[in-house]
Amino acid sequence: MIKSKKLMYQIIAVISLGLAIFGVITPGFPATEFVLLCAWSSAKGSPKIHHFLHANRFTGPVLNDWRNGKVISLNNKIFSSISMLLCVCFLFYSGLNIYFIGFGLFGISISFIWVWSRPSHV
């Protein structure tokens, strides 16, 4: 049972790392949340991935800030907000059904509020 639980955490870590990388290159898709999920799951299942995340020059500072007070830097907040704004523009430009647009706007709004509710410095 222990090995299957460890494997589950490893799978979550790999998938969330992949989604974080996808989020870096895709406007409107979150990256920070998936990095945090990957750090949490890799701490429980994969020391190699956990060490990689904390040693990486891109994810290391974000995780260090999060560990020391659940902080999201102002630069990350601004980048995230610009990305969300681009996603909103794409939603309206896409011509999707109004219900899909509303669902997307609801999710983006929740993310926006959550990101800006976190402190910007320790």
Protein backbone atom coordinates (compact mmCIF):
# COMPACT_ATOMS: atom_id res chain seq x y z
CA MET A 1 0.00 0.00 0.00
CA ILE A 2 2.85 2.41 0.79
CA LYS A 3 4.42 1.94 -2.66
CA SER A 4 1.13 2.64 -4.43
CA LYS A 5 0.66 5.83 -2.39
CA LYS A 6 4.20 6.95 -3.25
CA LEU A 7 3.53 6.18 -6.92
CA MET A 8 0.35 8.25 -6.79
CA TYR A 9 2.30 11.25 -5.45
CA GLN A 10 4.93 10.77 -8.16
CA ILE A 11 2.27 10.72 -10.87
CA ILE A 12 0.68 13.89 -9.46
CA ALA A 13 4.12 15.55 -9.35
CA VAL A 14 4.97 14.70 -12.96
CA ILE A 15 1.55 15.71 -14.31
CA SER A 16 1.51 18.98 -12.36
CA LEU A 17 5.07 19.78 -13.48
CA GLY A 18 4.01 19.20 -17.09
CA LEU A 19 0.97 21.44 -16.60
CA ALA A 20 3.17 24.12 -15.00
CA ILE A 21 5.49 24.07 -18.02
CA PHE A 22 2.44 24.25 -20.30
CA GLY A 23 1.19 27.19 -18.20
CA VAL A 24 4.41 29.12 -18.72
CA ILE A 25 3.99 29.06 -22.50
CA THR A 26 0.19 29.31 -22.69
CA PRO A 27 -1.45 32.65 -21.88
CA GLY A 28 -4.23 32.33 -19.34
CA PHE A 29 -3.22 28.89 -18.11
CA PRO A 30 -1.88 28.97 -14.54
CA ALA A 31 1.66 27.89 -13.79
CA THR A 32 2.29 28.93 -10.18
CA GLU A 33 -0.49 26.77 -8.77
CA PHE A 34 0.84 23.71 -10.60
CA VAL A 35 4.40 24.37 -9.39
CA LEU A 36 3.07 24.47 -5.82
CA LEU A 37 1.10 21.27 -6.37
CA CYS A 38 4.18 19.60 -7.83
CA ALA A 39 6.30 20.70 -4.87
CA TRP A 40 3.76 19.34 -2.40
CA SER A 41 3.34 16.00 -4.12
CA SER A 42 7.05 15.54 -4.88
CA ALA A 43 7.87 16.18 -1.20
CA LYS A 44 5.76 13.12 -0.44
CA GLY A 45 6.71 10.91 -3.37
CA SER A 46 9.81 11.97 -5.29
CA PRO A 47 12.86 13.49 -3.62
CA LYS A 48 14.52 13.91 -7.05
CA ILE A 49 11.75 16.11 -8.42
CA HIS A 50 11.48 17.96 -5.11
CA HIS A 51 15.20 18.77 -5.14
CA PHE A 52 15.04 19.76 -8.83
CA LEU A 53 12.22 22.22 -8.14
CA HIS A 54 13.99 23.85 -5.20
CA ALA A 55 17.34 24.04 -7.01
CA ASN A 56 15.87 25.41 -10.26
CA ARG A 57 16.45 29.13 -10.84
CA PHE A 58 12.86 29.66 -12.00
CA THR A 59 10.85 27.64 -9.49
CA GLY A 60 13.24 27.78 -6.51
CA PRO A 61 12.56 31.41 -5.53
CA VAL A 62 8.79 30.96 -5.95
CA LEU A 63 8.78 27.90 -3.70
CA ASN A 64 11.06 29.59 -1.16
CA ASP A 65 8.70 32.58 -1.00
CA TRP A 66 5.71 30.27 -0.61
CA ARG A 67 7.40 28.25 2.14
CA ASN A 68 8.33 31.45 4.02
CA GLY A 69 4.90 32.97 4.45
CA LYS A 70 2.75 31.90 1.49
CA VAL A 71 4.10 34.86 -0.49
CA ILE A 72 3.58 35.50 -4.22
CA SER A 73 5.94 38.18 -5.49
CA LEU A 74 4.57 41.34 -7.07
CA ASN A 75 6.23 40.44 -10.40
CA ASN A 76 4.46 37.06 -10.42
CA LYS A 77 1.16 38.71 -9.54
CA ILE A 78 1.51 41.20 -12.39
CA PHE A 79 2.57 38.52 -14.89
CA SER A 80 -0.32 36.32 -13.75
CA SER A 81 -2.81 39.19 -14.08
CA ILE A 82 -1.61 40.04 -17.59
CA SER A 83 -1.91 36.39 -18.54
CA MET A 84 -5.45 36.26 -17.15
CA LEU A 85 -6.36 39.45 -19.04
CA LEU A 86 -5.10 37.90 -22.28
CA CYS A 87 -7.19 34.82 -21.57
CA VAL A 88 -10.28 36.99 -21.07
CA CYS A 89 -9.61 38.68 -24.42
CA PHE A 90 -9.24 35.28 -26.11
CA LEU A 91 -12.49 34.11 -24.52
CA PHE A 92 -14.45 37.05 -25.90
CA TYR A 93 -12.75 36.84 -29.29
CA SER A 94 -13.32 33.07 -29.59
CA GLY A 95 -17.06 33.31 -30.14
CA LEU A 96 -17.77 30.53 -27.66
CA ASN A 97 -21.16 30.00 -26.10
CA ILE A 98 -21.89 32.61 -23.41
CA TYR A 99 -22.06 29.87 -20.76
CA PHE A 100 -18.50 28.74 -21.54
CA ILE A 101 -17.32 32.33 -21.41
CA GLY A 102 -19.10 32.84 -18.08
CA PHE A 103 -17.57 29.68 -16.64
CA GLY A 104 -14.11 30.79 -17.79
CA LEU A 105 -14.58 34.28 -16.36
CA PHE A 106 -15.71 32.79 -13.05
CA GLY A 107 -12.56 30.64 -12.82
CA ILE A 108 -10.29 33.50 -13.80
CA SER A 109 -11.96 35.78 -11.25
CA ILE A 110 -11.43 33.26 -8.45
CA SER A 111 -7.77 32.85 -9.46
CA PHE A 112 -7.29 36.62 -9.67
CA ILE A 113 -8.75 37.19 -6.21
CA TRP A 114 -6.71 34.34 -4.72
CA VAL A 115 -3.42 35.53 -6.24
CA TRP A 116 -3.90 39.14 -5.10
CA SER A 117 -5.03 38.07 -1.61
CA ARG A 118 -1.57 36.59 -0.92
CA PRO A 119 1.13 38.86 0.56
CA SER A 120 3.79 40.24 -1.84
CA HIS A 121 6.75 40.08 0.52
CA VAL A 122 7.79 38.29 3.71
